[in-house]
Structures are given as structure tokens and as C-alpha cells.
Amino acid sequence: MDEPTNIIRNTGLIGAALGAIIAIVWVAFGGLAVLLVLGLALAGWLVGMIFQRPDFVIGLLQRLQQR
């Protein structure tokens, strides 16, 4: 038997939900609010990546220092 599809891992459903949320925010608050939300989401993603893979960030900073 096939395993049931995990909704959290279904990228199509996640993409559709994010699109709907962005559209609602756009209509309710305007385009600037959407850009603010996307900017904050990007910043949060970067911070999460730094905490998840600090060795990558340390290596990148060391390469920048050597220049």
C-alpha cells in the first residue's frame, strides 16, 4: 500500500498557500507590506541557515578575510 502524502512535504500545496497569503496581504495592506513581509522572511531564513550551518558561514567569512 502507498503511504499517505504528507501535507507538510507537498511543495505544491505549500506554494499555493504562500501565494494565497501573499495575495491577501497585498490586497489588504498594499505592495509595500508584501515587500516588507518577503524581506523579513528572507532575513529569518538567513538567520536560520546561519544557526543550522555555522561551519559554512565561518568558512565564507574566512575566505572573505583572506582577500
C-alpha atoms as a PDB file:
ATOM      1  CA  MET A   1       0.000   0.000   0.000  1.00  0.00           C
ATOM      2  CA  ASP A   2       1.123   3.538  -0.657  1.00  0.00           C
ATOM      3  CA  GLU A   3       1.895   5.788   2.253  1.00  0.00           C
ATOM      4  CA  PRO A   4      -0.397   8.791   2.613  1.00  0.00           C
ATOM      5  CA  THR A   5       1.040  12.024   1.239  1.00  0.00           C
ATOM      6  CA  ASN A   6       2.407  14.241   3.974  1.00  0.00           C
ATOM      7  CA  ILE A   7       0.743  17.643   3.529  1.00  0.00           C
ATOM      8  CA  ILE A   8       3.716  19.465   5.062  1.00  0.00           C
ATOM      9  CA  ARG A   9       6.073  17.997   2.447  1.00  0.00           C
ATOM     10  CA  ASN A  10       3.800  18.649  -0.514  1.00  0.00           C
ATOM     11  CA  THR A  11       5.585  21.603  -2.091  1.00  0.00           C
ATOM     12  CA  GLY A  12       2.749  22.347  -4.494  1.00  0.00           C
ATOM     13  CA  LEU A  13       0.325  22.821  -1.639  1.00  0.00           C
ATOM     14  CA  ILE A  14       2.816  24.935   0.305  1.00  0.00           C
ATOM     15  CA  GLY A  15       3.443  27.116  -2.746  1.00  0.00           C
ATOM     16  CA  ALA A  16      -0.276  27.600  -3.314  1.00  0.00           C
ATOM     17  CA  ALA A  17      -0.828  28.519   0.337  1.00  0.00           C
ATOM     18  CA  LEU A  18       2.044  31.013   0.285  1.00  0.00           C
ATOM     19  CA  GLY A  19       0.694  32.536  -2.915  1.00  0.00           C
ATOM     20  CA  ALA A  20      -2.731  32.941  -1.341  1.00  0.00           C
ATOM     21  CA  ILE A  21      -1.251  34.531   1.784  1.00  0.00           C
ATOM     22  CA  ILE A  22       0.823  36.961  -0.302  1.00  0.00           C
ATOM     23  CA  ALA A  23      -2.259  37.880  -2.350  1.00  0.00           C
ATOM     24  CA  ILE A  24      -4.318  38.535   0.794  1.00  0.00           C
ATOM     25  CA  VAL A  25      -1.578  40.690   2.325  1.00  0.00           C
ATOM     26  CA  TRP A  26      -1.166  42.549  -0.988  1.00  0.00           C
ATOM     27  CA  VAL A  27      -4.876  43.366  -1.213  1.00  0.00           C
ATOM     28  CA  ALA A  28      -5.246  44.201   2.469  1.00  0.00           C
ATOM     29  CA  PHE A  29      -2.122  46.287   3.024  1.00  0.00           C
ATOM     30  CA  GLY A  30      -0.645  47.104  -0.383  1.00  0.00           C
ATOM     31  CA  GLY A  31       2.534  46.184  -2.219  1.00  0.00           C
ATOM     32  CA  LEU A  32       4.917  47.718   0.296  1.00  0.00           C
ATOM     33  CA  ALA A  33       3.642  45.386   3.015  1.00  0.00           C
ATOM     34  CA  VAL A  34       4.297  42.379   0.786  1.00  0.00           C
ATOM     35  CA  LEU A  35       7.862  43.530   0.175  1.00  0.00           C
ATOM     36  CA  LEU A  36       8.315  44.019   3.925  1.00  0.00           C
ATOM     37  CA  VAL A  37       6.984  40.532   4.656  1.00  0.00           C
ATOM     38  CA  LEU A  38       9.204  38.977   1.990  1.00  0.00           C
ATOM     39  CA  GLY A  39      12.240  40.897   3.274  1.00  0.00           C
ATOM     40  CA  LEU A  40      11.626  39.767   6.833  1.00  0.00           C
ATOM     41  CA  ALA A  41      11.079  36.188   5.665  1.00  0.00           C
ATOM     42  CA  LEU A  42      14.400  36.308   3.792  1.00  0.00           C
ATOM     43  CA  ALA A  43      16.165  37.694   6.862  1.00  0.00           C
ATOM     44  CA  GLY A  44      14.644  34.947   9.011  1.00  0.00           C
ATOM     45  CA  TRP A  45      15.719  32.312   6.528  1.00  0.00           C
ATOM     46  CA  LEU A  46      19.285  33.649   6.547  1.00  0.00           C
ATOM     47  CA  VAL A  47      19.424  33.634  10.350  1.00  0.00           C
ATOM     48  CA  GLY A  48      18.055  30.075  10.374  1.00  0.00           C
ATOM     49  CA  MET A  49      20.702  28.970   7.881  1.00  0.00           C
ATOM     50  CA  ILE A  50      23.432  30.575   9.990  1.00  0.00           C
ATOM     51  CA  PHE A  51      22.294  28.665  13.074  1.00  0.00           C
ATOM     52  CA  GLN A  52      21.804  25.429  11.151  1.00  0.00           C
ATOM     53  CA  ARG A  53      25.142  25.500   9.277  1.00  0.00           C
ATOM     54  CA  PRO A  54      27.597  27.745  11.131  1.00  0.00           C
ATOM     55  CA  ASP A  55      30.593  25.994   9.539  1.00  0.00           C
ATOM     56  CA  PHE A  56      29.528  27.254   6.087  1.00  0.00           C
ATOM     57  CA  VAL A  57      29.262  30.853   7.332  1.00  0.00           C
ATOM     58  CA  ILE A  58      32.602  30.626   9.170  1.00  0.00           C
ATOM     59  CA  GLY A  59      34.292  29.299   6.027  1.00  0.00           C
ATOM     60  CA  LEU A  60      32.746  32.070   3.937  1.00  0.00           C
ATOM     61  CA  LEU A  61      33.926  34.738   6.366  1.00  0.00           C
ATOM     62  CA  GLN A  62      37.432  33.257   6.416  1.00  0.00           C
ATOM     63  CA  ARG A  63      37.592  33.343   2.622  1.00  0.00           C
ATOM     64  CA  LEU A  64      36.491  36.979   2.645  1.00  0.00           C
ATOM     65  CA  GLN A  65      39.138  37.816   5.233  1.00  0.00           C
ATOM     66  CA  GLN A  66      41.895  36.256   3.125  1.00  0.00           C
ATOM     67  CA  ARG A  67      41.162  38.593   0.209  1.00  0.00           C
END
